[in-house]
C-alpha atoms as a PDB file:
ATOM      1  CA  MET A   1      60.597 -51.996 -18.259  1.00  0.00           C
ATOM      2  CA  LEU A   2      58.968 -49.431 -20.082  1.00  0.00           C
ATOM      3  CA  GLN A   3      55.669 -50.495 -18.796  1.00  0.00           C
ATOM      4  CA  LYS A   4      57.070 -49.901 -15.287  1.00  0.00           C
ATOM      5  CA  THR A   5      58.264 -47.154 -16.286  1.00  0.00           C
ATOM      6  CA  ILE A   6      54.469 -45.062 -17.460  1.00  0.00           C
ATOM      7  CA  PHE A   7      53.021 -47.143 -14.217  1.00  0.00           C
ATOM      8  CA  VAL A   8      55.286 -45.514 -11.591  1.00  0.00           C
ATOM      9  CA  VAL A   9      55.181 -41.911 -13.999  1.00  0.00           C
ATOM     10  CA  LEU A  10      51.359 -42.141 -14.164  1.00  0.00           C
ATOM     11  CA  ALA A  11      51.266 -42.805 -10.600  1.00  0.00           C
ATOM     12  CA  LEU A  12      53.253 -39.775  -9.661  1.00  0.00           C
ATOM     13  CA  ALA A  13      51.147 -37.614 -11.613  1.00  0.00           C
ATOM     14  CA  LEU A  14      47.909 -38.873 -10.062  1.00  0.00           C
ATOM     15  CA  SER A  15      49.235 -38.381  -6.868  1.00  0.00           C
ATOM     16  CA  ILE A  16      49.977 -34.789  -6.860  1.00  0.00           C
ATOM     17  CA  ILE A  17      46.731 -33.603  -8.167  1.00  0.00           C
ATOM     18  CA  PRO A  18      44.693 -32.321  -5.701  1.00  0.00           C
ATOM     19  CA  ALA A  19      41.621 -33.605  -5.328  1.00  0.00           C
ATOM     20  CA  GLN A  20      38.624 -32.115  -6.601  1.00  0.00           C
ATOM     21  CA  ALA A  21      35.510 -30.891  -4.683  1.00  0.00           C
ATOM     22  CA  ASP A  22      32.244 -31.612  -5.791  1.00  0.00           C
ATOM     23  CA  ILE A  23      29.871 -28.672  -6.209  1.00  0.00           C
ATOM     24  CA  LYS A  24      27.109 -31.332  -6.000  1.00  0.00           C
ATOM     25  CA  LYS A  25      27.643 -32.434  -2.967  1.00  0.00           C
ATOM     26  CA  GLY A  26      28.076 -29.237  -1.444  1.00  0.00           C
ATOM     27  CA  SER A  27      24.524 -28.737  -2.427  1.00  0.00           C
ATOM     28  CA  LYS A  28      23.650 -32.163  -0.602  1.00  0.00           C
ATOM     29  CA  ALA A  29      25.989 -30.427   2.763  1.00  0.00           C
ATOM     30  CA  TYR A  30      23.828 -27.043   2.181  1.00  0.00           C
ATOM     31  CA  LEU A  31      20.691 -28.876   2.146  1.00  0.00           C
ATOM     32  CA  LYS A  32      21.675 -31.410   5.191  1.00  0.00           C
ATOM     33  CA  GLN A  33      22.959 -28.795   7.115  1.00  0.00           C
ATOM     34  CA  CYS A  34      22.739 -25.230   5.918  1.00  0.00           C
ATOM     35  CA  LYS A  35      18.975 -24.374   4.366  1.00  0.00           C
ATOM     36  CA  LYS A  36      17.359 -25.004   8.176  1.00  0.00           C
ATOM     37  CA  CYS A  37      18.864 -21.123   8.888  1.00  0.00           C
ATOM     38  CA  HIS A  38      19.610 -19.661   5.885  1.00  0.00           C
ATOM     39  CA  GLY A  39      16.952 -20.908   3.111  1.00  0.00           C
ATOM     40  CA  ASN A  40      17.467 -22.773  -0.241  1.00  0.00           C
ATOM     41  CA  GLY A  41      20.528 -22.687  -1.850  1.00  0.00           C
ATOM     42  CA  THR A  42      20.047 -19.875  -3.777  1.00  0.00           C
ATOM     43  CA  LYS A  43      19.016 -17.482  -1.058  1.00  0.00           C
ATOM     44  CA  GLY A  44      22.357 -19.242   0.684  1.00  0.00           C
ATOM     45  CA  ALA A  45      24.581 -18.872  -1.710  1.00  0.00           C
ATOM     46  CA  SER A  46      23.389 -15.855  -2.904  1.00  0.00           C
ATOM     47  CA  MET A  47      24.139 -13.741   0.471  1.00  0.00           C
ATOM     48  CA  LYS A  48      27.925 -13.495  -0.718  1.00  0.00           C
ATOM     49  CA  SER A  49      29.808 -12.486  -3.788  1.00  0.00           C
ATOM     50  CA  GLN A  50      32.140 -14.963  -4.720  1.00  0.00           C
ATOM     51  CA  ALA A  51      35.315 -13.336  -3.648  1.00  0.00           C
ATOM     52  CA  GLU A  52      33.321 -12.987  -0.077  1.00  0.00           C
ATOM     53  CA  TRP A  53      33.237 -16.916   0.026  1.00  0.00           C
ATOM     54  CA  ASN A  54      37.002 -17.466  -1.000  1.00  0.00           C
ATOM     55  CA  GLU A  55      37.272 -15.334   2.132  1.00  0.00           C
ATOM     56  CA  ALA A  56      35.588 -16.883   4.346  1.00  0.00           C
ATOM     57  CA  PHE A  57      36.794 -20.819   2.875  1.00  0.00           C
ATOM     58  CA  ALA A  58      40.793 -19.454   3.965  1.00  0.00           C
ATOM     59  CA  ASP A  59      42.644 -20.024   6.084  1.00  0.00           C
ATOM     60  CA  ASN A  60      40.719 -23.747   7.532  1.00  0.00           C
ATOM     61  CA  ALA A  61      37.220 -21.699   7.071  1.00  0.00           C
ATOM     62  CA  LYS A  62      38.105 -19.043   9.660  1.00  0.00           C
ATOM     63  CA  VAL A  63      35.828 -17.001   8.618  1.00  0.00           C
ATOM     64  CA  PHE A  64      33.267 -19.221   7.796  1.00  0.00           C
ATOM     65  CA  LYS A  65      33.354 -20.578  11.300  1.00  0.00           C
ATOM     66  CA  GLN A  66      33.421 -17.074  13.026  1.00  0.00           C
ATOM     67  CA  TRP A  67      29.990 -16.229  11.330  1.00  0.00           C
ATOM     68  CA  HIS A  68      28.486 -19.017  12.980  1.00  0.00           C
ATOM     69  CA  ALA A  69      30.025 -18.776  16.277  1.00  0.00           C
ATOM     70  CA  GLY A  70      27.635 -18.680  19.295  1.00  0.00           C
ATOM     71  CA  THR A  71      24.439 -19.908  16.210  1.00  0.00           C
ATOM     72  CA  LYS A  72      23.023 -22.762  15.817  1.00  0.00           C
ATOM     73  CA  GLY A  73      26.150 -23.788  13.451  1.00  0.00           C
ATOM     74  CA  GLU A  74      28.456 -23.988  15.233  1.00  0.00           C
ATOM     75  CA  LYS A  75      28.501 -27.063  16.446  1.00  0.00           C
ATOM     76  CA  TYR A  76      28.803 -28.267  12.623  1.00  0.00           C
ATOM     77  CA  VAL A  77      30.907 -26.087  11.330  1.00  0.00           C
ATOM     78  CA  SER A  78      33.262 -27.458  14.487  1.00  0.00           C
ATOM     79  CA  SER A  79      33.012 -31.044  13.126  1.00  0.00           C
ATOM     80  CA  LYS A  80      34.600 -33.287  11.256  1.00  0.00           C
ATOM     81  CA  LYS A  81      32.141 -33.682   9.249  1.00  0.00           C
ATOM     82  CA  PHE A  82      32.299 -30.020   8.150  1.00  0.00           C
ATOM     83  CA  SER A  83      35.978 -30.273   7.920  1.00  0.00           C
ATOM     84  CA  LYS A  84      34.949 -33.142   5.222  1.00  0.00           C
ATOM     85  CA  PHE A  85      32.674 -31.343   3.569  1.00  0.00           C
ATOM     86  CA  ALA A  86      33.989 -27.755   3.593  1.00  0.00           C
ATOM     87  CA  PRO A  87      35.527 -27.610  -0.185  1.00  0.00           C
ATOM     88  CA  HIS A  88      32.477 -29.142  -1.673  1.00  0.00           C
ATOM     89  CA  LEU A  89      30.375 -26.630   0.415  1.00  0.00           C
ATOM     90  CA  LYS A  90      32.497 -23.639  -0.543  1.00  0.00           C
ATOM     91  CA  ASP A  91      32.539 -24.414  -4.331  1.00  0.00           C
ATOM     92  CA  PHE A  92      29.102 -24.528  -4.054  1.00  0.00           C
ATOM     93  CA  LEU A  93      28.892 -20.990  -2.435  1.00  0.00           C
ATOM     94  CA  HIS A  94      31.488 -19.833  -4.716  1.00  0.00           C
ATOM     95  CA  GLU A  95      29.232 -21.456  -7.827  1.00  0.00           C
ATOM     96  CA  TYR A  96      26.487 -19.554  -7.337  1.00  0.00           C
ATOM     97  CA  GLY A  97      27.569 -16.522  -5.538  1.00  0.00           C
ATOM     98  CA  ASN A  98      25.306 -13.274  -5.738  1.00  0.00           C
ATOM     99  CA  ASP A  99      28.160 -11.846  -8.551  1.00  0.00           C
ATOM    100  CA  SER A 100      28.323 -15.345 -10.341  1.00  0.00           C
ATOM    101  CA  GLY A 101      25.314 -14.999 -12.715  1.00  0.00           C
ATOM    102  CA  ASN A 102      24.389 -18.953 -12.020  1.00  0.00           C
ATOM    103  CA  VAL A 103      21.534 -20.187 -10.617  1.00  0.00           C
ATOM    104  CA  PRO A 104      21.457 -23.534  -8.624  1.00  0.00           C
ATOM    105  CA  SER A 105      18.992 -25.427 -10.403  1.00  0.00           C
ATOM    106  CA  CYS A 106      17.206 -26.941  -7.162  1.00  0.00           C
ATOM    107  CA  GLY A 107      17.026 -26.943  -3.277  1.00  0.00           C
END
């Protein structure tokens, strides 16, 4: 009985922990989808501050999508693929924003 209770508590705890974004996945998404227009990861991420990246990705990346309206990137930022990778891309861009003091090691 105790094992079953522990299992149920553990399962509930794991189900409420939000999925963590992955900076490496964000870097890969950036290199694949954004580098063509925005340059390497260092250049692209440093275009904005960490606060600006947070604002850009708030409300389902509303501002980020507005920035890309009418550009080559519009199709991508409107896609299911972008929705899937947006949390990772946001974490990558935030991690290396121009006020972070961090520099990507590749890209």
